Every structure is written in C-alpha cells, then in structure tokens.
PDB file of N, CA and C in Angstrom:
ATOM      1  N   UNK A   1     -50.607 -33.333-101.260  1.00  0.00           N
ATOM      2  CA  UNK A   1     -50.470 -31.912-100.931  1.00  0.00           C
ATOM      3  C   UNK A   1     -49.477 -31.304-101.904  1.00  0.00           C
ATOM      4  N   UNK A   2     -49.774 -30.131-102.353  1.00  0.00           N
ATOM      5  CA  UNK A   2     -48.860 -29.471-103.273  1.00  0.00           C
ATOM      6  C   UNK A   2     -47.624 -28.977-102.517  1.00  0.00           C
ATOM      7  N   UNK A   3     -46.593 -28.713-103.283  1.00  0.00           N
ATOM      8  CA  UNK A   3     -45.361 -28.232-102.676  1.00  0.00           C
ATOM      9  C   UNK A   3     -45.607 -26.879-102.011  1.00  0.00           C
ATOM     10  N   UNK A   4     -44.925 -26.646-100.923  1.00  0.00           N
ATOM     11  CA  UNK A   4     -45.045 -25.387-100.191  1.00  0.00           C
ATOM     12  C   UNK A   4     -43.713 -24.661-100.295  1.00  0.00           C
ATOM     13  N   UNK A   5     -43.759 -23.379-100.535  1.00  0.00           N
ATOM     14  CA  UNK A   5     -42.520 -22.612-100.694  1.00  0.00           C
ATOM     15  C   UNK A   5     -41.817 -22.468 -99.353  1.00  0.00           C
ATOM     16  N   UNK A   6     -40.520 -22.198 -99.422  1.00  0.00           N
ATOM     17  CA  UNK A   6     -39.745 -22.025 -98.191  1.00  0.00           C
ATOM     18  C   UNK A   6     -40.282 -20.873 -97.352  1.00  0.00           C
ATOM     19  N   UNK A   7     -40.698 -19.800 -98.024  1.00  0.00           N
ATOM     20  CA  UNK A   7     -41.249 -18.657 -97.300  1.00  0.00           C
ATOM     21  C   UNK A   7     -42.554 -18.992 -96.595  1.00  0.00           C
ATOM     22  N   UNK A   8     -43.408 -19.727 -97.295  1.00  0.00           N
ATOM     23  CA  UNK A   8     -44.681 -20.141 -96.690  1.00  0.00           C
ATOM     24  C   UNK A   8     -44.448 -21.120 -95.542  1.00  0.00           C
ATOM     25  N   UNK A   9     -43.463 -22.004 -95.721  1.00  0.00           N
ATOM     26  CA  UNK A   9     -43.158 -22.972 -94.670  1.00  0.00           C
ATOM     27  C   UNK A   9     -42.639 -22.257 -93.422  1.00  0.00           C
ATOM     28  N   UNK A  10     -41.786 -21.262 -93.625  1.00  0.00           N
ATOM     29  CA  UNK A  10     -41.279 -20.504 -92.474  1.00  0.00           C
ATOM     30  C   UNK A  10     -42.420 -19.749 -91.796  1.00  0.00           C
ATOM     31  N   UNK A  11     -43.337 -19.193 -92.582  1.00  0.00           N
ATOM     32  CA  UNK A  11     -44.491 -18.488 -92.012  1.00  0.00           C
ATOM     33  C   UNK A  11     -45.365 -19.453 -91.220  1.00  0.00           C
ATOM     34  N   UNK A  12     -45.544 -20.670 -91.727  1.00  0.00           N
ATOM     35  CA  UNK A  12     -46.320 -21.684 -91.020  1.00  0.00           C
ATOM     36  C   UNK A  12     -45.661 -22.040 -89.687  1.00  0.00           C
ATOM     37  N   UNK A  13     -44.348 -22.242 -89.712  1.00  0.00           N
ATOM     38  CA  UNK A  13     -43.614 -22.572 -88.483  1.00  0.00           C
ATOM     39  C   UNK A  13     -43.743 -21.438 -87.475  1.00  0.00           C
ATOM     40  N   UNK A  14     -43.571 -20.213 -87.935  1.00  0.00           N
ATOM     41  CA  UNK A  14     -43.674 -19.061 -87.030  1.00  0.00           C
ATOM     42  C   UNK A  14     -45.072 -18.952 -86.433  1.00  0.00           C
ATOM     43  N   UNK A  15     -46.111 -19.166 -87.251  1.00  0.00           N
ATOM     44  CA  UNK A  15     -47.483 -19.059 -86.757  1.00  0.00           C
ATOM     45  C   UNK A  15     -47.778 -20.152 -85.733  1.00  0.00           C
ATOM     46  N   UNK A  16     -47.361 -21.382 -86.037  1.00  0.00           N
ATOM     47  CA  UNK A  16     -47.601 -22.479 -85.097  1.00  0.00           C
ATOM     48  C   UNK A  16     -46.824 -22.268 -83.804  1.00  0.00           C
ATOM     49  N   UNK A  17     -45.600 -21.794 -83.913  1.00  0.00           N
ATOM     50  CA  UNK A  17     -44.798 -21.548 -82.720  1.00  0.00           C
ATOM     51  C   UNK A  17     -45.450 -20.471 -81.853  1.00  0.00           C
ATOM     52  N   UNK A  18     -46.022 -19.450 -82.497  1.00  0.00           N
ATOM     53  CA  UNK A  18     -46.683 -18.382 -81.739  1.00  0.00           C
ATOM     54  C   UNK A  18     -47.916 -18.919 -81.017  1.00  0.00           C
ATOM     55  N   UNK A  19     -48.720 -19.712 -81.713  1.00  0.00           N
ATOM     56  CA  UNK A  19     -49.933 -20.269 -81.108  1.00  0.00           C
ATOM     57  C   UNK A  19     -49.582 -21.173 -79.926  1.00  0.00           C
ATOM     58  N   UNK A  20     -48.515 -21.953 -80.081  1.00  0.00           N
ATOM     59  CA  UNK A  20     -48.105 -22.886 -79.030  1.00  0.00           C
ATOM     60  C   UNK A  20     -47.218 -22.248 -77.970  1.00  0.00           C
ATOM     61  N   UNK A  21     -46.892 -20.974 -78.172  1.00  0.00           N
ATOM     62  CA  UNK A  21     -45.972 -20.261 -77.275  1.00  0.00           C
ATOM     63  C   UNK A  21     -44.670 -21.064 -77.125  1.00  0.00           C
ATOM     64  N   UNK A  22     -44.149 -21.483 -78.288  1.00  0.00           N
ATOM     65  CA  UNK A  22     -42.965 -22.321 -78.349  1.00  0.00           C
ATOM     66  C   UNK A  22     -41.873 -21.568 -79.107  1.00  0.00           C
ATOM     67  N   UNK A  23     -40.835 -21.147 -78.424  1.00  0.00           N
ATOM     68  CA  UNK A  23     -39.784 -20.419 -79.136  1.00  0.00           C
ATOM     69  C   UNK A  23     -39.011 -21.356 -80.071  1.00  0.00           C
ATOM     70  N   UNK A  24     -38.753 -20.880 -81.282  1.00  0.00           N
ATOM     71  CA  UNK A  24     -37.941 -21.629 -82.243  1.00  0.00           C
ATOM     72  C   UNK A  24     -36.766 -20.739 -82.634  1.00  0.00           C
ATOM     73  N   UNK A  25     -35.585 -21.236 -82.329  1.00  0.00           N
ATOM     74  CA  UNK A  25     -34.390 -20.456 -82.675  1.00  0.00           C
ATOM     75  C   UNK A  25     -34.214 -20.448 -84.184  1.00  0.00           C
ATOM     76  N   UNK A  26     -33.663 -19.367 -84.682  1.00  0.00           N
ATOM     77  CA  UNK A  26     -33.469 -19.194 -86.123  1.00  0.00           C
ATOM     78  C   UNK A  26     -32.677 -20.357 -86.733  1.00  0.00           C
ATOM     79  N   UNK A  27     -31.690 -20.856 -86.007  1.00  0.00           N
ATOM     80  CA  UNK A  27     -30.866 -21.949 -86.545  1.00  0.00           C
ATOM     81  C   UNK A  27     -31.588 -23.302 -86.514  1.00  0.00           C
ATOM     82  N   UNK A  28     -32.786 -23.367 -85.939  1.00  0.00           N
ATOM     83  CA  UNK A  28     -33.547 -24.612 -85.910  1.00  0.00           C
ATOM     84  C   UNK A  28     -34.622 -24.689 -87.003  1.00  0.00           C
ATOM     85  N   UNK A  29     -34.849 -23.604 -87.718  1.00  0.00           N
ATOM     86  CA  UNK A  29     -35.908 -23.592 -88.722  1.00  0.00           C
ATOM     87  C   UNK A  29     -35.708 -24.667 -89.787  1.00  0.00           C
ATOM     88  N   UNK A  30     -34.474 -24.892 -90.222  1.00  0.00           N
ATOM     89  CA  UNK A  30     -34.221 -25.888 -91.268  1.00  0.00           C
ATOM     90  C   UNK A  30     -34.612 -27.285 -90.804  1.00  0.00           C
ATOM     91  N   UNK A  31     -34.303 -27.619 -89.561  1.00  0.00           N
ATOM     92  CA  UNK A  31     -34.628 -28.943 -89.035  1.00  0.00           C
ATOM     93  C   UNK A  31     -36.141 -29.087 -88.856  1.00  0.00           C
ATOM     94  N   UNK A  32     -36.774 -28.053 -88.337  1.00  0.00           N
ATOM     95  CA  UNK A  32     -38.230 -28.092 -88.163  1.00  0.00           C
ATOM     96  C   UNK A  32     -38.902 -28.226 -89.534  1.00  0.00           C
ATOM     97  N   UNK A  33     -38.418 -27.483 -90.521  1.00  0.00           N
ATOM     98  CA  UNK A  33     -38.976 -27.556 -91.869  1.00  0.00           C
ATOM     99  C   UNK A  33     -38.793 -28.954 -92.461  1.00  0.00           C
ATOM    100  N   UNK A  34     -37.647 -29.580 -92.218  1.00  0.00           N
ATOM    101  CA  UNK A  34     -37.405 -30.927 -92.711  1.00  0.00           C
ATOM    102  C   UNK A  34     -38.424 -31.908 -92.126  1.00  0.00           C
ATOM    103  N   UNK A  35     -38.656 -31.823 -90.825  1.00  0.00           N
ATOM    104  CA  UNK A  35     -39.601 -32.727 -90.178  1.00  0.00           C
ATOM    105  C   UNK A  35     -41.038 -32.460 -90.630  1.00  0.00           C
ATOM    106  N   UNK A  36     -41.392 -31.208 -90.836  1.00  0.00           N
ATOM    107  CA  UNK A  36     -42.725 -30.907 -91.365  1.00  0.00           C
ATOM    108  C   UNK A  36     -42.884 -31.469 -92.771  1.00  0.00           C
ATOM    109  N   UNK A  37     -41.833 -31.380 -93.572  1.00  0.00           N
ATOM    110  CA  UNK A  37     -41.865 -31.946 -94.918  1.00  0.00           C
ATOM    111  C   UNK A  37     -42.120 -33.444 -94.879  1.00  0.00           C
ATOM    112  N   UNK A  38     -41.466 -34.143 -93.952  1.00  0.00           N
ATOM    113  CA  UNK A  38     -41.683 -35.581 -93.784  1.00  0.00           C
ATOM    114  C   UNK A  38     -43.126 -35.843 -93.359  1.00  0.00           C
ATOM    115  N   UNK A  39     -43.634 -35.051 -92.427  1.00  0.00           N
ATOM    116  CA  UNK A  39     -45.015 -35.219 -91.967  1.00  0.00           C
ATOM    117  C   UNK A  39     -45.995 -34.992 -93.115  1.00  0.00           C
ATOM    118  N   UNK A  40     -45.743 -34.007 -93.978  1.00  0.00           N
ATOM    119  CA  UNK A  40     -46.617 -33.747 -95.124  1.00  0.00           C
ATOM    120  C   UNK A  40     -46.605 -34.939 -96.078  1.00  0.00           C
ATOM    121  N   UNK A  41     -45.426 -35.530 -96.314  1.00  0.00           N
ATOM    122  CA  UNK A  41     -45.336 -36.694 -97.208  1.00  0.00           C
ATOM    123  C   UNK A  41     -46.082 -37.892 -96.612  1.00  0.00           C
ATOM    124  N   UNK A  42     -45.966 -38.077 -95.308  1.00  0.00           N
ATOM    125  CA  UNK A  42     -46.683 -39.163 -94.642  1.00  0.00           C
ATOM    126  C   UNK A  42     -48.195 -38.950 -94.763  1.00  0.00           C
ATOM    127  N   UNK A  43     -48.634 -37.716 -94.594  1.00  0.00           N
ATOM    128  CA  UNK A  43     -50.064 -37.407 -94.715  1.00  0.00           C
ATOM    129  C   UNK A  43     -50.559 -37.671 -96.131  1.00  0.00           C
ATOM    130  N   UNK A  44     -49.721 -37.370 -97.128  1.00  0.00           N
ATOM    131  CA  UNK A  44     -50.097 -37.648 -98.515  1.00  0.00           C
ATOM    132  C   UNK A  44     -50.296 -39.143 -98.738  1.00  0.00           C
ATOM    133  N   UNK A  45     -49.409 -39.966 -98.162  1.00  0.00           N
ATOM    134  CA  UNK A  45     -49.513 -41.416 -98.322  1.00  0.00           C
ATOM    135  C   UNK A  45     -50.807 -41.925 -97.697  1.00  0.00           C
ATOM    136  N   UNK A  46     -51.103 -41.459 -96.486  1.00  0.00           N
ATOM    137  CA  UNK A  46     -52.326 -41.905 -95.799  1.00  0.00           C
ATOM    138  C   UNK A  46     -53.567 -41.422 -96.551  1.00  0.00           C
ATOM    139  N   UNK A  47     -53.541 -40.187 -97.003  1.00  0.00           N
ATOM    140  CA  UNK A  47     -54.707 -39.631 -97.710  1.00  0.00           C
ATOM    141  C   UNK A  47     -54.952 -40.305 -99.048  1.00  0.00           C
ATOM    142  N   UNK A  48     -53.911 -40.834 -99.662  1.00  0.00           N
ATOM    143  CA  UNK A  48     -54.051 -41.469-100.969  1.00  0.00           C
ATOM    144  C   UNK A  48     -54.660 -42.862-100.878  1.00  0.00           C
ATOM    145  N   UNK A  49     -54.730 -43.433 -99.690  1.00  0.00           N
ATOM    146  CA  UNK A  49     -55.264 -44.780 -99.529  1.00  0.00           C
ATOM    147  C   UNK A  49     -56.786 -44.728 -99.513  1.00  0.00           C
ATOM    148  N   UNK A  50     -57.384 -45.387-100.489  1.00  0.00           N
ATOM    149  CA  UNK A  50     -58.846 -45.417-100.569  1.00  0.00           C
ATOM    150  C   UNK A  50     -59.391 -46.541 -99.700  1.00  0.00           C
ATOM    151  N   UNK A  51     -60.273 -46.178 -98.797  1.00  0.00           N
ATOM    152  CA  UNK A  51     -60.931 -47.175 -97.954  1.00  0.00           C
ATOM    153  C   UNK A  51     -62.147 -47.728 -98.679  1.00  0.00           C
ATOM    154  N   UNK A  52     -62.413 -49.020 -98.537  1.00  0.00           N
ATOM    155  CA  UNK A  52     -63.628 -49.563 -99.134  1.00  0.00           C
ATOM    156  C   UNK A  52     -64.860 -49.004 -98.418  1.00  0.00           C
ATOM    157  N   UNK A  53     -65.962 -49.012 -99.124  1.00  0.00           N
ATOM    158  CA  UNK A  53     -67.205 -48.460 -98.563  1.00  0.00           C
ATOM    159  C   UNK A  53     -67.640 -49.175 -97.287  1.00  0.00           C
ATOM    160  N   UNK A  54     -67.328 -50.459 -97.156  1.00  0.00           N
ATOM    161  CA  UNK A  54     -67.770 -51.210 -95.986  1.00  0.00           C
ATOM    162  C   UNK A  54     -66.747 -51.215 -94.851  1.00  0.00           C
ATOM    163  N   UNK A  55     -65.751 -50.337 -94.921  1.00  0.00           N
ATOM    164  CA  UNK A  55     -64.731 -50.275 -93.871  1.00  0.00           C
ATOM    165  C   UNK A  55     -65.355 -49.822 -92.559  1.00  0.00           C
ATOM    166  N   UNK A  56     -64.967 -50.459 -91.492  1.00  0.00           N
ATOM    167  CA  UNK A  56     -65.473 -50.122 -90.160  1.00  0.00           C
ATOM    168  C   UNK A  56     -64.329 -49.586 -89.309  1.00  0.00           C
ATOM    169  N   UNK A  57     -64.608 -48.629 -88.425  1.00  0.00           N
ATOM    170  CA  UNK A  57     -63.544 -48.172 -87.535  1.00  0.00           C
ATOM    171  C   UNK A  57     -63.137 -49.280 -86.569  1.00  0.00           C
ATOM    172  N   UNK A  58     -61.894 -49.223 -86.149  1.00  0.00           N
ATOM    173  CA  UNK A  58     -61.408 -50.212 -85.191  1.00  0.00           C
ATOM    174  C   UNK A  58     -62.104 -50.002 -83.854  1.00  0.00           C
ATOM    175  N   UNK A  59     -62.269 -51.090 -83.077  1.00  0.00           N
ATOM    176  CA  UNK A  59     -62.883 -50.917 -81.761  1.00  0.00           C
ATOM    177  C   UNK A  59     -61.969 -50.092 -80.856  1.00  0.00           C
ATOM    178  N   UNK A  60     -62.549 -49.468 -79.887  1.00  0.00           N
ATOM    179  CA  UNK A  60     -61.791 -48.658 -78.931  1.00  0.00           C
ATOM    180  C   UNK A  60     -61.086 -49.584 -77.970  1.00  0.00           C
ATOM    181  N   UNK A  61     -59.783 -49.358 -77.801  1.00  0.00           N
ATOM    182  CA  UNK A  61     -59.007 -50.171 -76.874  1.00  0.00           C
ATOM    183  C   UNK A  61     -59.295 -49.738 -75.437  1.00  0.00           C
ATOM    184  N   UNK A  62     -59.650 -50.662 -74.612  1.00  0.00           N
ATOM    185  CA  UNK A  62     -59.817 -50.390 -73.185  1.00  0.00           C
ATOM    186  C   UNK A  62     -59.066 -51.468 -72.411  1.00  0.00           C
ATOM    187  N   UNK A  63     -58.078 -51.078 -71.646  1.00  0.00           N
ATOM    188  CA  UNK A  63     -57.275 -52.076 -70.912  1.00  0.00           C
ATOM    189  C   UNK A  63     -58.073 -52.748 -69.804  1.00  0.00           C
TER     190      UNK A  63
END
C-alpha cells in the first residue's frame, strides 16, 4: 500500500468513526493513526505473500 498523508489518514479515521458511531477524541487521533499504520504494514506483508496455485483453504474448525 502506498503511503497515506496525515490529512487523508485523519479523514479516514473520522469517516470510520462516523460510520461506527464511535467518538474519537482529538487527543487520540495520533494513537489511532499509529495503530492503523501498523495494520496497513501487516496487510502489506500478508498481501505480498504469493500462494501456490494448488493452495487449498484450511478446513473449517468445528468444536
């Protein structure tokens, strides 16, 4: 994923908070942005892993 600007990241946080009806205090934006940044990096790592063509999904766990 390409880098996201601070303004775009704040807009994303505000939009998600509105959809979820989740208030985010102004002083919490930096922490939320930090965690989203970590999540984006994790998604990049997972997306970069190429699965072989014969990969099968794991079976569904049923206790």
